[in-house]
Every structure is written in structure tokens, then in C-alpha cells.
Amino acid sequence: MKDLIKKLPFIRDWVKKLNNLNERSDWVERQLKILPEKSSLLDAGCGDQRYRRYCSHLLYKGQDFGKYRIDEKK
């Protein structure tokens, strides 16, 4: 299947549209790119900061709300 997708780019685009996460990610990327340079952005609940790479022109701050765990080794 992967070889077929490489040979036929229109299939790649079609397969990509089958997953809503891809559509959402593309939308977020487009919105981030149109924000004015040096705008402040707080990415609340950012997890692994998957969209940070589109924010080089912004003042990006990421904050995740993961559960705090005490280091058992100490």
C-alpha cells in the first residue's frame, strides 16, 4: 500500500482526508501561520507541543497540565 501511495500522490491526499486529525492539524497549521509576527501564544494543554514548529515567528509558551509525580528515587 505504501508503494502505491508514493506512486500516486492523489491517493496520499485521499487517505490523509480519511482521518479527521489530519484535517484539524492542517487547519491549526494554517491559522498559526497567519498570526502576526511576535504575537504571544499560550499553548495550554500542549502535551508534546506538536504545533510548536509552526510558531517560530511567535512568542510561544507551552503549558501542559499533566499530573505531578514525586520522584521516588529521592
N, C-alpha and C. Protein backbone atom coordinates (compact mmCIF):
# COMPACT_ATOMS: atom_id res chain seq x y z
N MET A 1 0.82 -1.20 0.00
CA MET A 1 0.00 0.00 0.00
C MET A 1 0.87 1.27 0.00
N LYS A 2 1.95 1.26 0.82
CA LYS A 2 2.82 2.44 0.89
C LYS A 2 3.45 2.75 -0.47
N ASP A 3 3.83 1.71 -1.21
CA ASP A 3 4.42 1.93 -2.54
C ASP A 3 3.41 2.56 -3.48
N LEU A 4 2.17 2.11 -3.40
CA LEU A 4 1.11 2.66 -4.24
C LEU A 4 0.87 4.13 -3.92
N ILE A 5 0.89 4.47 -2.63
CA ILE A 5 0.69 5.86 -2.22
C ILE A 5 1.81 6.75 -2.74
N LYS A 6 3.04 6.24 -2.72
CA LYS A 6 4.18 7.02 -3.24
C LYS A 6 4.06 7.26 -4.74
N LYS A 7 3.56 6.27 -5.46
CA LYS A 7 3.45 6.38 -6.91
C LYS A 7 2.28 7.26 -7.34
N LEU A 8 1.24 7.31 -6.54
CA LEU A 8 0.02 8.05 -6.90
C LEU A 8 -0.30 9.08 -5.82
N PRO A 9 0.25 10.30 -5.96
CA PRO A 9 0.08 11.32 -4.92
C PRO A 9 -1.37 11.65 -4.58
N PHE A 10 -2.28 11.55 -5.55
CA PHE A 10 -3.68 11.86 -5.24
C PHE A 10 -4.26 10.88 -4.23
N ILE A 11 -3.74 9.65 -4.21
CA ILE A 11 -4.20 8.66 -3.22
C ILE A 11 -3.72 9.08 -1.83
N ARG A 12 -2.49 9.61 -1.75
CA ARG A 12 -1.97 10.09 -0.47
C ARG A 12 -2.89 11.15 0.12
N ASP A 13 -3.32 12.09 -0.71
CA ASP A 13 -4.21 13.14 -0.24
C ASP A 13 -5.56 12.58 0.19
N TRP A 14 -6.06 11.60 -0.54
CA TRP A 14 -7.34 10.99 -0.22
C TRP A 14 -7.26 10.23 1.10
N VAL A 15 -6.19 9.45 1.29
CA VAL A 15 -6.00 8.69 2.53
C VAL A 15 -5.86 9.64 3.71
N LYS A 16 -5.16 10.74 3.50
CA LYS A 16 -4.97 11.73 4.56
C LYS A 16 -6.31 12.29 5.04
N LYS A 17 -7.24 12.48 4.13
CA LYS A 17 -8.55 13.05 4.48
C LYS A 17 -9.44 12.07 5.23
N LEU A 18 -9.08 10.80 5.25
CA LEU A 18 -9.87 9.82 5.98
C LEU A 18 -9.76 10.00 7.50
N ASN A 19 -8.73 10.68 7.94
CA ASN A 19 -8.51 10.86 9.37
C ASN A 19 -8.75 12.32 9.73
N ASN A 20 -9.74 12.59 10.59
CA ASN A 20 -10.09 13.94 10.99
C ASN A 20 -8.92 14.66 11.67
N LEU A 21 -8.06 13.93 12.34
CA LEU A 21 -6.90 14.54 13.00
C LEU A 21 -6.03 15.26 11.96
N ASN A 22 -5.88 14.68 10.79
CA ASN A 22 -5.09 15.33 9.73
C ASN A 22 -5.73 16.64 9.30
N GLU A 23 -7.03 16.63 9.11
CA GLU A 23 -7.74 17.86 8.71
C GLU A 23 -7.58 18.94 9.78
N ARG A 24 -7.73 18.55 11.03
CA ARG A 24 -7.61 19.51 12.14
C ARG A 24 -6.20 20.05 12.23
N SER A 25 -5.20 19.19 12.10
CA SER A 25 -3.81 19.63 12.17
C SER A 25 -3.48 20.61 11.05
N ASP A 26 -3.97 20.32 9.85
CA ASP A 26 -3.75 21.24 8.72
C ASP A 26 -4.39 22.60 9.00
N TRP A 27 -5.59 22.59 9.58
CA TRP A 27 -6.29 23.84 9.89
C TRP A 27 -5.51 24.65 10.94
N VAL A 28 -5.05 23.98 12.00
CA VAL A 28 -4.29 24.67 13.05
C VAL A 28 -3.01 25.26 12.46
N GLU A 29 -2.32 24.50 11.63
CA GLU A 29 -1.10 24.99 11.00
C GLU A 29 -1.37 26.26 10.19
N ARG A 30 -2.43 26.26 9.40
CA ARG A 30 -2.76 27.45 8.59
C ARG A 30 -3.07 28.64 9.48
N GLN A 31 -3.80 28.42 10.58
CA GLN A 31 -4.17 29.53 11.47
C GLN A 31 -2.94 30.11 12.17
N LEU A 32 -2.02 29.24 12.59
CA LEU A 32 -0.81 29.72 13.25
C LEU A 32 0.06 30.55 12.30
N LYS A 33 0.12 30.15 11.07
CA LYS A 33 0.96 30.86 10.09
C LYS A 33 0.45 32.26 9.79
N ILE A 34 -0.84 32.52 9.99
CA ILE A 34 -1.36 33.86 9.67
C ILE A 34 -1.36 34.80 10.87
N LEU A 35 -0.96 34.31 12.04
CA LEU A 35 -0.85 35.20 13.20
C LEU A 35 0.31 36.17 12.99
N PRO A 36 0.14 37.43 13.40
CA PRO A 36 1.20 38.42 13.20
C PRO A 36 2.49 38.04 13.95
N GLU A 37 3.60 38.37 13.34
CA GLU A 37 4.91 38.11 13.94
C GLU A 37 5.00 38.76 15.32
N LYS A 38 5.65 38.05 16.24
CA LYS A 38 5.88 38.48 17.62
C LYS A 38 4.61 38.48 18.47
N SER A 39 3.52 37.89 17.96
CA SER A 39 2.32 37.74 18.78
C SER A 39 2.61 36.73 19.87
N SER A 40 2.01 36.91 21.04
CA SER A 40 2.15 35.96 22.14
C SER A 40 1.13 34.85 21.97
N LEU A 41 1.57 33.63 22.23
CA LEU A 41 0.68 32.48 22.13
C LEU A 41 0.92 31.56 23.31
N LEU A 42 -0.13 31.26 24.05
CA LEU A 42 -0.05 30.27 25.12
C LEU A 42 -0.73 29.01 24.60
N ASP A 43 0.04 27.95 24.51
CA ASP A 43 -0.48 26.65 24.07
C ASP A 43 -0.81 25.87 25.34
N ALA A 44 -2.01 26.07 25.86
CA ALA A 44 -2.44 25.43 27.12
C ALA A 44 -2.82 23.99 26.86
N GLY A 45 -2.28 23.10 27.68
CA GLY A 45 -2.54 21.67 27.50
C GLY A 45 -1.82 21.13 26.28
N CYS A 46 -0.61 21.62 26.04
CA CYS A 46 0.11 21.36 24.78
C CYS A 46 0.67 19.95 24.64
N GLY A 47 0.74 19.20 25.72
CA GLY A 47 1.29 17.84 25.63
C GLY A 47 2.69 17.86 25.07
N ASP A 48 2.89 17.22 23.92
CA ASP A 48 4.23 17.14 23.32
C ASP A 48 4.54 18.33 22.40
N GLN A 49 3.73 19.37 22.45
CA GLN A 49 3.93 20.62 21.69
C GLN A 49 4.02 20.35 20.19
N ARG A 50 3.09 19.59 19.66
CA ARG A 50 3.14 19.20 18.25
C ARG A 50 3.06 20.36 17.28
N TYR A 51 2.50 21.51 17.71
CA TYR A 51 2.36 22.65 16.80
C TYR A 51 3.45 23.71 16.97
N ARG A 52 4.35 23.50 17.90
CA ARG A 52 5.40 24.49 18.16
C ARG A 52 6.23 24.80 16.91
N ARG A 53 6.45 23.82 16.08
CA ARG A 53 7.29 24.03 14.88
C ARG A 53 6.69 25.06 13.92
N TYR A 54 5.42 25.37 14.04
CA TYR A 54 4.77 26.38 13.20
C TYR A 54 4.75 27.75 13.86
N CYS A 55 5.40 27.87 15.00
CA CYS A 55 5.32 29.10 15.80
C CYS A 55 6.64 29.84 15.92
N SER A 56 7.57 29.63 15.03
CA SER A 56 8.88 30.27 15.14
C SER A 56 8.78 31.80 15.06
N HIS A 57 7.73 32.31 14.45
CA HIS A 57 7.54 33.76 14.33
C HIS A 57 6.75 34.34 15.51
N LEU A 58 6.38 33.48 16.46
CA LEU A 58 5.57 33.90 17.61
C LEU A 58 6.35 33.82 18.91
N LEU A 59 5.84 34.47 19.94
CA LEU A 59 6.38 34.32 21.29
C LEU A 59 5.59 33.18 21.93
N TYR A 60 6.10 31.97 21.75
CA TYR A 60 5.39 30.74 22.11
C TYR A 60 5.69 30.34 23.54
N LYS A 61 4.65 30.04 24.30
CA LYS A 61 4.77 29.46 25.63
C LYS A 61 3.86 28.26 25.69
N GLY A 62 4.38 27.13 26.12
CA GLY A 62 3.58 25.92 26.23
C GLY A 62 3.42 25.53 27.68
N GLN A 63 2.22 25.08 28.05
CA GLN A 63 1.95 24.62 29.41
C GLN A 63 1.05 23.40 29.34
N ASP A 64 1.54 22.31 29.89
CA ASP A 64 0.72 21.11 29.95
C ASP A 64 0.25 20.92 31.39
N PHE A 65 -0.83 20.24 31.55
CA PHE A 65 -1.44 20.08 32.87
C PHE A 65 -1.39 18.64 33.33
N GLY A 66 -0.25 17.99 33.07
CA GLY A 66 -0.08 16.61 33.50
C GLY A 66 -0.01 16.51 35.01
N LYS A 67 -0.33 15.35 35.52
CA LYS A 67 -0.31 15.13 36.97
C LYS A 67 1.13 15.15 37.47
N TYR A 68 1.37 15.91 38.53
CA TYR A 68 2.70 15.98 39.13
C TYR A 68 2.99 14.68 39.86
N ARG A 69 4.17 14.13 39.62
CA ARG A 69 4.58 12.88 40.29
C ARG A 69 5.87 13.14 41.05
N ILE A 70 5.93 12.67 42.27
CA ILE A 70 7.12 12.80 43.10
C ILE A 70 8.16 11.77 42.61
N ASP A 71 9.41 12.19 42.52
CA ASP A 71 10.48 11.29 42.12
C ASP A 71 10.75 10.34 43.27
N GLU A 72 10.42 9.08 43.07
CA GLU A 72 10.54 8.05 44.12
C GLU A 72 12.00 7.78 44.49
N LYS A 73 12.95 8.12 43.62
CA LYS A 73 14.36 7.82 43.86
C LYS A 73 14.97 8.71 44.92
N LYS A 74 14.39 9.88 45.16
CA LYS A 74 14.98 10.83 46.11
C LYS A 74 14.68 10.47 47.54
